[in-house]
Amino acid sequence: MVPAAVVFSVAAVVFLSLAAVRLVHDGGKLAPASRTWLLVGAVFAVVAIWLSLRV
């Protein structure tokens, strides 16, 4: 079984990567879609850090 911290870490990397792709696609402008990808990635990253420190 995979620990939850690892799952959240992978999800954070995926969402932050998608945000980077979206930023490049938009020419560096921070569009609402880019902000959403960044926000979701940041939330997953914070939860992953919290879970890894809690164990």
N, C-alpha and C. Protein backbone atom coordinates (compact mmCIF):
# COMPACT_ATOMS: atom_id res chain seq x y z
N MET A 1 0.85 -1.18 0.00
CA MET A 1 0.00 0.00 0.00
C MET A 1 0.89 1.25 0.00
N VAL A 2 0.49 2.22 -0.78
CA VAL A 2 1.27 3.45 -0.91
C VAL A 2 0.82 4.44 0.16
N PRO A 3 1.79 5.04 0.87
CA PRO A 3 1.42 6.03 1.90
C PRO A 3 0.74 7.25 1.29
N ALA A 4 -0.14 7.85 2.04
CA ALA A 4 -0.89 9.00 1.56
C ALA A 4 0.03 10.18 1.23
N ALA A 5 1.11 10.33 1.99
CA ALA A 5 2.04 11.44 1.71
C ALA A 5 2.65 11.32 0.33
N VAL A 6 2.92 10.10 -0.11
CA VAL A 6 3.49 9.89 -1.44
C VAL A 6 2.46 10.21 -2.52
N VAL A 7 1.23 9.80 -2.29
CA VAL A 7 0.15 10.08 -3.26
C VAL A 7 -0.05 11.59 -3.41
N PHE A 8 -0.08 12.30 -2.30
CA PHE A 8 -0.26 13.74 -2.36
C PHE A 8 0.95 14.43 -2.98
N SER A 9 2.15 13.91 -2.74
CA SER A 9 3.35 14.47 -3.36
C SER A 9 3.31 14.32 -4.87
N VAL A 10 2.92 13.15 -5.33
CA VAL A 10 2.82 12.92 -6.78
C VAL A 10 1.75 13.83 -7.38
N ALA A 11 0.63 13.96 -6.70
CA ALA A 11 -0.44 14.84 -7.20
C ALA A 11 0.04 16.29 -7.26
N ALA A 12 0.80 16.71 -6.27
CA ALA A 12 1.34 18.08 -6.27
C ALA A 12 2.26 18.30 -7.45
N VAL A 13 3.13 17.35 -7.72
CA VAL A 13 4.05 17.48 -8.86
C VAL A 13 3.27 17.54 -10.17
N VAL A 14 2.26 16.71 -10.29
CA VAL A 14 1.45 16.69 -11.52
C VAL A 14 0.75 18.04 -11.71
N PHE A 15 0.09 18.54 -10.69
CA PHE A 15 -0.63 19.80 -10.83
C PHE A 15 0.30 20.99 -11.03
N LEU A 16 1.44 21.01 -10.35
CA LEU A 16 2.39 22.10 -10.56
C LEU A 16 3.02 22.04 -11.94
N SER A 17 3.23 20.83 -12.45
CA SER A 17 3.73 20.68 -13.83
C SER A 17 2.70 21.17 -14.84
N LEU A 18 1.44 20.83 -14.61
CA LEU A 18 0.39 21.32 -15.49
C LEU A 18 0.28 22.85 -15.45
N ALA A 19 0.51 23.42 -14.28
CA ALA A 19 0.50 24.88 -14.17
C ALA A 19 1.64 25.49 -14.97
N ALA A 20 2.81 24.86 -14.91
CA ALA A 20 3.96 25.36 -15.68
C ALA A 20 3.69 25.26 -17.18
N VAL A 21 3.10 24.16 -17.60
CA VAL A 21 2.76 24.00 -19.02
C VAL A 21 1.77 25.07 -19.44
N ARG A 22 0.78 25.33 -18.61
CA ARG A 22 -0.23 26.34 -18.92
C ARG A 22 0.39 27.73 -18.98
N LEU A 23 1.33 28.02 -18.06
CA LEU A 23 2.00 29.32 -18.08
C LEU A 23 2.80 29.51 -19.37
N VAL A 24 3.51 28.48 -19.79
CA VAL A 24 4.28 28.55 -21.03
C VAL A 24 3.33 28.73 -22.21
N HIS A 25 2.23 28.00 -22.20
CA HIS A 25 1.25 28.09 -23.28
C HIS A 25 0.65 29.49 -23.38
N ASP A 26 0.45 30.15 -22.24
CA ASP A 26 -0.14 31.49 -22.21
C ASP A 26 0.90 32.59 -22.37
N GLY A 27 2.14 32.23 -22.63
CA GLY A 27 3.18 33.24 -22.83
C GLY A 27 3.64 33.90 -21.56
N GLY A 28 3.54 33.23 -20.43
CA GLY A 28 4.00 33.77 -19.17
C GLY A 28 2.97 34.57 -18.39
N LYS A 29 1.79 34.77 -18.99
CA LYS A 29 0.74 35.50 -18.27
C LYS A 29 0.02 34.56 -17.32
N LEU A 30 -0.27 35.06 -16.13
CA LEU A 30 -0.93 34.25 -15.11
C LEU A 30 -2.45 34.35 -15.29
N ALA A 31 -2.98 33.48 -16.11
CA ALA A 31 -4.42 33.45 -16.39
C ALA A 31 -5.14 32.75 -15.25
N PRO A 32 -6.47 32.89 -15.17
CA PRO A 32 -7.22 32.21 -14.12
C PRO A 32 -7.00 30.69 -14.09
N ALA A 33 -6.88 30.08 -15.25
CA ALA A 33 -6.63 28.63 -15.28
C ALA A 33 -5.27 28.29 -14.67
N SER A 34 -4.27 29.11 -14.96
CA SER A 34 -2.93 28.88 -14.39
C SER A 34 -2.95 29.03 -12.88
N ARG A 35 -3.66 30.04 -12.41
CA ARG A 35 -3.76 30.25 -10.96
C ARG A 35 -4.46 29.07 -10.29
N THR A 36 -5.46 28.52 -10.95
CA THR A 36 -6.17 27.38 -10.39
C THR A 36 -5.25 26.18 -10.28
N TRP A 37 -4.50 25.87 -11.35
CA TRP A 37 -3.56 24.75 -11.31
C TRP A 37 -2.52 24.97 -10.20
N LEU A 38 -2.01 26.20 -10.08
CA LEU A 38 -1.02 26.50 -9.04
C LEU A 38 -1.62 26.34 -7.64
N LEU A 39 -2.83 26.83 -7.45
CA LEU A 39 -3.48 26.73 -6.14
C LEU A 39 -3.70 25.28 -5.74
N VAL A 40 -4.22 24.48 -6.66
CA VAL A 40 -4.47 23.07 -6.36
C VAL A 40 -3.15 22.35 -6.08
N GLY A 41 -2.13 22.62 -6.88
CA GLY A 41 -0.82 22.02 -6.65
C GLY A 41 -0.23 22.42 -5.31
N ALA A 42 -0.41 23.68 -4.94
CA ALA A 42 0.10 24.15 -3.65
C ALA A 42 -0.62 23.48 -2.49
N VAL A 43 -1.92 23.31 -2.63
CA VAL A 43 -2.69 22.64 -1.56
C VAL A 43 -2.22 21.20 -1.41
N PHE A 44 -2.06 20.49 -2.52
CA PHE A 44 -1.57 19.12 -2.44
C PHE A 44 -0.17 19.08 -1.82
N ALA A 45 0.69 20.04 -2.17
CA ALA A 45 2.04 20.06 -1.62
C ALA A 45 2.03 20.31 -0.11
N VAL A 46 1.20 21.23 0.33
CA VAL A 46 1.12 21.53 1.77
C VAL A 46 0.60 20.32 2.54
N VAL A 47 -0.41 19.66 2.00
CA VAL A 47 -0.95 18.47 2.67
C VAL A 47 0.09 17.35 2.69
N ALA A 48 0.84 17.20 1.61
CA ALA A 48 1.89 16.16 1.57
C ALA A 48 2.97 16.44 2.61
N ILE A 49 3.36 17.69 2.74
CA ILE A 49 4.37 18.05 3.74
C ILE A 49 3.82 17.80 5.14
N TRP A 50 2.58 18.20 5.37
CA TRP A 50 1.97 18.00 6.68
C TRP A 50 1.89 16.51 7.03
N LEU A 51 1.49 15.70 6.06
CA LEU A 51 1.40 14.26 6.31
C LEU A 51 2.77 13.63 6.57
N SER A 52 3.78 14.08 5.85
CA SER A 52 5.10 13.49 6.04
C SER A 52 5.71 13.91 7.39
N LEU A 53 5.39 15.11 7.87
CA LEU A 53 5.90 15.55 9.16
C LEU A 53 5.13 14.94 10.33
N ARG A 54 3.89 14.57 10.06
CA ARG A 54 3.02 14.02 11.11
C ARG A 54 3.40 12.59 11.47
N VAL A 55 3.96 11.87 10.53
CA VAL A 55 4.27 10.45 10.75
C VAL A 55 5.48 10.27 11.61
